[in-house]
Protein backbone atom coordinates (compact mmCIF):
# COMPACT_ATOMS: atom_id res chain seq x y z
CA UNK A 1 2.04 -18.65 8.65
CA UNK A 2 4.42 -15.59 8.67
CA UNK A 3 3.85 -13.13 11.18
CA UNK A 4 2.70 -10.81 8.25
CA UNK A 5 0.12 -13.60 7.21
CA UNK A 6 -1.01 -13.83 11.03
CA UNK A 7 -1.39 -9.90 11.24
CA UNK A 8 -3.49 -10.06 8.31
CA UNK A 9 -5.77 -13.01 9.13
CA UNK A 10 -6.55 -11.54 12.65
CA UNK A 11 -7.28 -8.07 10.99
CA UNK A 12 -9.90 -9.56 8.57
CA UNK A 13 -11.27 -11.84 11.23
CA UNK A 14 -11.62 -8.24 13.26
CA UNK A 15 -13.11 -7.12 10.29
CA UNK A 16 -10.63 -3.89 10.51
CA UNK A 17 -9.14 -2.52 7.39
CA UNK A 18 -5.26 -1.74 7.38
CA UNK A 19 -5.95 1.95 7.65
CA UNK A 20 -8.18 1.17 10.90
CA UNK A 21 -5.56 -1.35 12.60
CA UNK A 22 -2.92 1.53 11.99
CA UNK A 23 -5.12 4.10 13.74
CA UNK A 24 -5.42 1.59 16.40
CA UNK A 25 -1.63 1.75 16.96
CA UNK A 26 -0.97 5.26 16.04
CA UNK A 27 0.73 4.06 12.93
CA UNK A 28 0.02 4.47 8.97
CA UNK A 29 -1.60 2.13 6.46
CA UNK A 30 1.75 1.92 5.04
CA UNK A 31 3.34 0.49 8.16
CA UNK A 32 0.48 -2.45 8.36
CA UNK A 33 0.91 -3.47 4.84
CA UNK A 34 4.48 -3.71 5.23
CA UNK A 35 3.82 -5.99 8.23
CA UNK A 36 1.43 -8.11 6.23
CA UNK A 37 3.72 -8.29 3.11
CA UNK A 38 6.42 -9.64 5.54
CA UNK A 39 8.51 -6.65 4.21
CA UNK A 40 8.89 -5.47 7.91
CA UNK A 41 9.20 -6.75 11.51
CA UNK A 42 6.64 -4.98 14.03
CA UNK A 43 8.77 -3.46 17.09
CA UNK A 44 8.17 -5.18 20.26
CA UNK A 45 6.12 -2.45 21.87
CA UNK A 46 3.71 -3.01 18.40
CA UNK A 47 3.94 -6.89 18.87
CA UNK A 48 2.44 -5.97 22.69
CA UNK A 49 -0.04 -3.72 21.37
CA UNK A 50 -1.15 -6.66 18.60
CA UNK A 51 -1.44 -8.86 21.44
CA UNK A 52 -3.87 -7.30 23.28
CA UNK A 53 -5.98 -6.09 20.45
CA UNK A 54 -5.96 -9.47 19.01
CA UNK A 55 -6.08 -11.33 22.14
CA UNK A 56 -3.00 -13.71 21.11
CA UNK A 57 0.01 -14.11 22.90
CA UNK A 58 3.57 -12.42 21.37
CA UNK A 59 5.10 -15.52 20.18
CA UNK A 60 1.91 -17.01 18.80
CA UNK A 61 2.61 -14.03 16.12
CA UNK A 62 6.08 -14.41 15.68
CA UNK A 63 6.65 -18.34 15.56
CA UNK A 64 5.94 -19.58 12.24
CA UNK A 65 4.79 -23.13 13.71
CA UNK A 66 2.28 -21.26 16.37
CA UNK A 67 -1.40 -21.95 15.54
CA UNK A 68 -3.56 -18.95 16.00
CA UNK A 69 -5.58 -19.43 19.12
CA UNK A 70 -7.07 -16.99 21.63
CA UNK A 71 -5.13 -16.04 25.06
CA UNK A 72 -7.17 -18.17 27.89
CA UNK A 73 -9.00 -15.47 30.09
CA UNK A 74 -8.76 -15.43 33.88
CA UNK A 75 -11.32 -17.94 34.84
CA UNK A 76 -14.10 -16.92 37.35
CA UNK A 77 -15.21 -19.97 38.13
CA UNK A 78 -15.43 -21.02 41.80
CA UNK A 79 -13.56 -23.26 43.58
CA UNK A 80 -13.77 -26.65 42.04
CA UNK A 81 -16.48 -28.76 44.91
CA UNK A 82 -16.66 -25.67 46.79
CA UNK A 83 -20.56 -25.59 46.62
CA UNK A 84 -20.44 -29.07 48.57
CA UNK A 85 -18.18 -28.11 51.30
CA UNK A 86 -19.98 -27.90 54.46
CA UNK A 87 -19.17 -24.06 55.85
CA UNK A 88 -18.29 -23.97 59.79
CA UNK A 89 -17.79 -20.59 60.18
CA UNK A 90 -16.91 -17.27 58.90
CA UNK A 91 -13.19 -17.35 59.46
CA UNK A 92 -12.96 -20.47 57.83
CA UNK A 93 -14.86 -19.07 54.67
CA UNK A 94 -12.45 -15.85 54.57
CA UNK A 95 -9.22 -17.97 55.27
CA UNK A 96 -10.01 -20.20 52.23
CA UNK A 97 -10.78 -16.93 50.44
CA UNK A 98 -7.55 -15.60 51.11
CA UNK A 99 -5.53 -18.79 50.43
CA UNK A 100 -7.47 -18.65 46.90
CA UNK A 101 -6.55 -14.87 46.43
CA UNK A 102 -2.70 -15.83 47.40
CA UNK A 103 -2.87 -18.78 45.12
CA UNK A 104 -4.04 -16.56 42.20
CA UNK A 105 -1.55 -13.54 42.75
CA UNK A 106 1.66 -16.35 42.58
CA UNK A 107 0.42 -17.93 39.52
CA UNK A 108 -0.33 -14.77 37.75
CA UNK A 109 3.49 -13.56 39.18
CA UNK A 110 4.77 -16.55 37.53
CA UNK A 111 2.65 -16.09 34.17
CA UNK A 112 4.04 -12.74 34.17
CA UNK A 113 7.47 -13.80 34.49
CA UNK A 114 7.63 -16.34 31.85
CA UNK A 115 6.00 -14.35 29.65
CA UNK A 116 8.36 -11.45 30.12
CA UNK A 117 11.10 -14.21 29.63
CA UNK A 118 9.59 -15.22 26.37
CA UNK A 119 9.21 -11.77 24.70
CA UNK A 120 12.81 -10.88 25.90
CA UNK A 121 13.99 -14.19 24.52
CA UNK A 122 11.93 -13.38 20.94
CA UNK A 123 13.51 -9.68 20.79
CA UNK A 124 16.76 -11.24 21.20
CA UNK A 125 16.01 -13.64 18.20
CA UNK A 126 14.65 -10.94 16.12
CA UNK A 127 18.13 -8.78 16.67
CA UNK A 128 20.28 -11.35 16.18
CA UNK A 129 18.45 -12.36 12.65
CA UNK A 130 19.00 -8.72 11.91
CA UNK A 131 22.44 -8.77 12.84
CA UNK A 132 22.93 -11.83 10.78
CA UNK A 133 21.55 -10.78 7.75
CA UNK A 134 24.50 -8.02 7.51
CA UNK A 135 25.12 -4.28 7.26
CA UNK A 136 23.66 -4.20 3.88
CA UNK A 137 19.88 -5.02 4.70
CA UNK A 138 17.51 -2.56 3.69
CA UNK A 139 15.92 -0.37 6.78
CA UNK A 140 12.13 -0.26 6.96
CA UNK A 141 11.15 1.87 9.65
CA UNK A 142 7.69 1.11 11.18
CA UNK A 143 5.92 4.19 10.62
CA UNK A 144 6.84 5.97 6.95
CA UNK A 145 4.48 8.81 7.52
CA UNK A 146 6.52 9.78 10.84
CA UNK A 147 9.72 11.81 10.58
CA UNK A 148 12.66 9.69 9.53
CA UNK A 149 14.78 10.40 12.39
CA UNK A 150 18.04 8.94 10.38
CA UNK A 151 17.67 12.17 7.88
CA UNK A 152 17.89 16.06 8.71
CA UNK A 153 15.90 16.91 5.47
CA UNK A 154 14.72 15.29 2.52
CA UNK A 155 12.57 16.22 -0.57
CA UNK A 156 11.41 13.99 -3.72
CA UNK A 157 9.58 14.58 -6.88
CA UNK A 158 8.10 11.97 -9.39
CA UNK A 159 7.28 12.69 -12.89
CA UNK A 160 6.51 11.12 -16.24
CA UNK A 161 10.28 10.76 -17.85
CA UNK A 162 9.89 12.94 -20.93
CA UNK A 163 12.40 11.65 -22.82
CA UNK A 164 11.24 8.06 -22.10
CA UNK A 165 7.35 8.17 -21.91
CA UNK A 166 7.61 4.15 -20.81
CA UNK A 167 9.32 5.54 -17.48
CA UNK A 168 8.79 7.60 -14.71
CA UNK A 169 11.78 10.34 -13.67
CA UNK A 170 12.66 10.23 -9.90
CA UNK A 171 14.40 13.49 -8.23
CA UNK A 172 15.40 13.08 -4.94
CA UNK A 173 17.71 14.86 -2.26
CA UNK A 174 18.46 13.91 1.32
CA UNK A 175 20.66 15.04 4.39
CA UNK A 176 21.60 12.55 6.83
CA UNK A 177 21.87 13.74 10.35
CA UNK A 178 25.41 12.16 10.50
CA UNK A 179 27.76 12.55 7.82
CA UNK A 180 31.72 10.33 7.70
CA UNK A 181 34.29 11.33 6.01
CA UNK A 182 35.08 9.26 3.09
CA UNK A 183 31.48 8.08 2.63
CA UNK A 184 30.15 6.95 -0.61
CA UNK A 185 26.65 7.72 -1.74
CA UNK A 186 23.97 6.39 -3.90
CA UNK A 187 20.37 6.52 -4.12
CA UNK A 188 18.54 3.01 -4.73
CA UNK A 189 14.96 2.85 -5.62
CA UNK A 190 13.25 -0.47 -5.11
CA UNK A 191 10.07 -1.76 -6.56
CA UNK A 192 9.64 -6.08 -5.34
CA UNK A 193 12.78 -7.70 -6.23
CA UNK A 194 13.83 -5.03 -9.06
CA UNK A 195 15.78 -1.99 -8.21
CA UNK A 196 17.81 0.58 -9.82
CA UNK A 197 20.56 2.96 -8.67
CA UNK A 198 22.38 6.04 -9.47
CA UNK A 199 25.42 7.79 -7.74
CA UNK A 200 24.39 10.60 -5.48
CA UNK A 201 25.79 14.08 -5.87
CA UNK A 202 27.45 15.79 -2.60
CA UNK A 203 26.30 19.47 -2.24
CA UNK A 204 25.66 19.99 1.59
CA UNK A 205 23.81 16.90 1.50
CA UNK A 206 22.99 14.19 -1.30
CA UNK A 207 20.80 14.53 -4.68
CA UNK A 208 20.36 12.58 -7.57
CA UNK A 209 17.70 11.95 -10.24
CA UNK A 210 16.78 8.06 -11.84
CA UNK A 211 14.60 7.19 -14.63
CA UNK A 212 12.89 3.89 -13.89
CA UNK A 213 10.22 1.65 -15.48
CA UNK A 214 6.75 2.63 -15.13
CA UNK A 215 6.00 0.62 -11.60
CA UNK A 216 3.01 0.93 -9.23
CA UNK A 217 4.86 1.13 -6.12
CA UNK A 218 8.47 1.93 -5.10
CA UNK A 219 10.62 2.80 -2.05
CA UNK A 220 13.66 5.35 -2.33
CA UNK A 221 16.73 4.80 0.10
CA UNK A 222 20.23 6.97 0.37
CA UNK A 223 22.85 4.10 0.59
CA UNK A 224 26.01 5.02 2.53
CA UNK A 225 29.49 2.89 2.40
CA UNK A 226 31.90 4.02 4.29
CA UNK A 227 35.58 3.22 4.13
CA UNK A 228 35.48 0.25 6.14
CA UNK A 229 32.84 -1.16 3.78
CA UNK A 230 29.96 -1.02 6.53
CA UNK A 231 26.87 0.14 5.00
CA UNK A 232 23.83 2.06 6.17
CA UNK A 233 20.49 2.20 4.10
CA UNK A 234 18.20 4.95 4.96
CA UNK A 235 14.51 4.93 3.70
CA UNK A 236 13.90 8.36 2.13
CA UNK A 237 10.14 7.87 1.23
CA UNK A 238 7.80 5.60 -0.36
CA UNK A 239 5.21 6.09 -3.24
CA UNK A 240 2.27 3.96 -4.03
CA UNK A 241 -0.50 4.00 -6.81
CA UNK A 242 1.45 5.19 -9.29
CA UNK A 243 0.05 3.83 -12.37
CA UNK A 244 -3.48 5.64 -11.35
CA UNK A 245 -1.86 8.83 -10.28
CA UNK A 246 0.06 8.93 -14.08
CA UNK A 247 -2.73 8.20 -16.17
CA UNK A 248 -6.03 9.49 -17.20
CA UNK A 249 -9.59 8.25 -16.14
CA UNK A 250 -11.77 8.26 -19.41
CA UNK A 251 -15.51 7.36 -19.20
CA UNK A 252 -18.12 7.61 -21.97
CA UNK A 253 -21.83 7.51 -22.63
CA UNK A 254 -24.60 8.79 -24.74
CA UNK A 255 -26.37 12.16 -23.57
CA UNK A 256 -28.91 11.17 -26.27
CA UNK A 257 -29.56 8.37 -28.82
CA UNK A 258 -27.49 5.81 -29.55
CA UNK A 259 -27.19 2.67 -31.48
CA UNK A 260 -30.37 1.32 -33.15
CA UNK A 261 -31.66 -1.40 -35.35
CA UNK A 262 -34.60 -1.65 -38.01
CA UNK A 263 -35.03 -3.95 -40.89
CA UNK A 264 -31.44 -5.26 -41.01
CA UNK A 265 -30.09 -1.79 -40.99
CA UNK A 266 -28.27 -0.06 -38.05
CA UNK A 267 -27.76 3.47 -37.41
CA UNK A 268 -25.57 5.03 -34.76
CA UNK A 269 -26.72 8.65 -33.98
CA UNK A 270 -26.75 11.13 -31.07
CA UNK A 271 -24.68 13.12 -28.48
CA UNK A 272 -21.75 11.04 -27.17
CA UNK A 273 -20.84 12.40 -23.86
CA UNK A 274 -16.91 11.78 -22.68
CA UNK A 275 -15.50 12.45 -19.18
CA UNK A 276 -11.78 12.69 -18.62
CA UNK A 277 -10.15 13.14 -15.46
CA UNK A 278 -6.48 13.81 -14.49
CA UNK A 279 -5.36 12.12 -11.21
CA UNK A 280 -2.16 14.52 -11.38
CA UNK A 281 -3.94 17.73 -12.21
CA UNK A 282 -2.49 19.44 -15.23
CA UNK A 283 0.58 17.26 -15.79
CA UNK A 284 -1.31 14.32 -17.96
CA UNK A 285 -3.35 16.17 -19.95
CA UNK A 286 -5.44 14.76 -23.11
CA UNK A 287 -4.29 16.08 -26.66
CA UNK A 288 -6.42 14.54 -28.92
CA UNK A 289 -9.49 12.24 -29.08
CA UNK A 290 -11.37 9.75 -31.57
CA UNK A 291 -14.94 8.04 -31.62
CA UNK A 292 -14.35 4.97 -33.41
CA UNK A 293 -16.77 2.32 -34.76
CA UNK A 294 -16.56 -1.07 -35.21
CA UNK A 295 -18.58 -3.86 -37.01
CA UNK A 296 -17.48 -7.33 -36.44
CA UNK A 297 -14.20 -6.38 -34.70
CA UNK A 298 -13.00 -4.16 -37.72
CA UNK A 299 -12.87 -0.52 -37.53
CA UNK A 300 -15.32 1.12 -40.36
CA UNK A 301 -15.61 4.67 -38.97
CA UNK A 302 -14.15 7.25 -37.05
CA UNK A 303 -14.91 10.90 -35.63
CA UNK A 304 -12.58 13.24 -33.99
CA UNK A 305 -13.50 15.06 -30.43
CA UNK A 306 -12.99 18.55 -31.88
CA UNK A 307 -12.71 20.36 -28.80
CA UNK A 308 -10.70 17.92 -26.81
CA UNK A 309 -7.34 19.50 -25.56
CA UNK A 310 -8.78 22.88 -24.90
CA UNK A 311 -9.14 24.60 -21.05
CA UNK A 312 -8.61 21.04 -19.52
CA UNK A 313 -8.99 21.51 -15.85
CA UNK A 314 -8.42 17.76 -14.60
CA UNK A 315 -12.21 16.84 -15.02
CA UNK A 316 -13.70 18.04 -17.95
CA UNK A 317 -16.83 16.60 -20.12
CA UNK A 318 -16.57 16.98 -23.79
CA UNK A 319 -19.63 16.51 -26.32
CA UNK A 320 -19.39 15.14 -29.67
CA UNK A 321 -22.30 14.62 -32.25
CA UNK A 322 -22.23 11.33 -34.20
CA UNK A 323 -24.52 10.51 -37.51
CA UNK A 324 -23.64 7.30 -38.91
CA UNK A 325 -26.89 5.85 -40.27
CA UNK A 326 -28.48 3.09 -42.46
CA UNK A 327 -25.61 0.55 -42.40
CA UNK A 328 -25.92 -3.01 -43.07
CA UNK A 329 -25.89 -5.25 -40.56
CA UNK A 330 -27.62 -6.27 -37.20
CA UNK A 331 -27.24 -4.42 -33.63
CA UNK A 332 -25.06 -7.02 -32.12
CA UNK A 333 -22.14 -6.42 -34.79
CA UNK A 334 -21.50 -2.94 -34.04
CA UNK A 335 -19.70 -1.39 -31.09
CA UNK A 336 -18.64 1.99 -30.50
CA UNK A 337 -15.62 3.04 -28.56
CA UNK A 338 -13.88 6.23 -27.53
CA UNK A 339 -9.96 6.59 -27.84
CA UNK A 340 -8.04 9.39 -26.07
CA UNK A 341 -4.03 10.10 -26.30
CA UNK A 342 -2.21 11.73 -23.53
CA UNK A 343 0.08 14.42 -23.97
CA UNK A 344 3.00 11.60 -23.59
CA UNK A 345 1.69 9.80 -26.59
CA UNK A 346 -0.41 7.14 -24.32
CA UNK A 347 -3.67 5.93 -25.60
CA UNK A 348 -6.81 5.17 -23.42
CA UNK A 349 -9.68 3.28 -24.88
CA UNK A 350 -13.20 2.93 -23.36
CA UNK A 351 -16.37 1.12 -24.59
CA UNK A 352 -19.39 3.22 -24.99
CA UNK A 353 -22.40 1.10 -23.53
């Protein structure tokens, strides 16, 4: 198992969420998520805290071949066979206790020294692997919610690209704390194994604009390349749950009436209620909608939602009176759906129960 898989397994065994584990460590949920996805490696301080929290040695968390097993607790058993030994006098009892205490202290000191040596050796292995991965390795800070010490200032804005509504438009600026003469800069957006980039304009800091496919999560990096070819990759920010954020939530149901059938004929009649919610406030809005009636999978009727698009406030109900009566066919043949189109031309379809 990888370090991330072990952290995830131990967290779930403790019944903790990523957010709860992050709170115990003083980190964000995103930092824990990156560990568990093996996109980042915890610092040694965080590894020590995880070791204490889950009760496993640090090297067990780091070594892929090490099985997860709890630390051995200090034994509170008496000296083996002590109950069968005759006690000659109080001095002998205290002498034995002193020797036992001294022995335990020596064992504790040796164990602590061995543990410290193993931790230092493991940290050296981690640093060596990081150096071997080269200067172009993407930098993942442990706590993305904290201020990035490599940047003096930054800003980012994400919207739907109006030139291509299948894409997101990312506008970003960043001011590194150190800027070297002759460096070239670009912004890179990474999502999984995909990446997109653009040149960064230098205007008392760097700025850029990218149009990227409509992915659910991504991270933005400022990549600085010096005259000697060395590259610095600085994380600017990360975005999550973008598909939900830039879309409408549509729910529909009958306030009164519905579908009924009698003597081989079916009627759809009543007041249909449609709730539309926008996760991104005013940017994503409904502009048109229809009530659709299907029979055996084929659309046979439709009715426009007339008030839709007016005074939309992000959580709005719309009511449509429907009256389609005495249609040939049984109840099971008919289905009612609501279809909503937003201001970017995207459609959302919801079945009406």
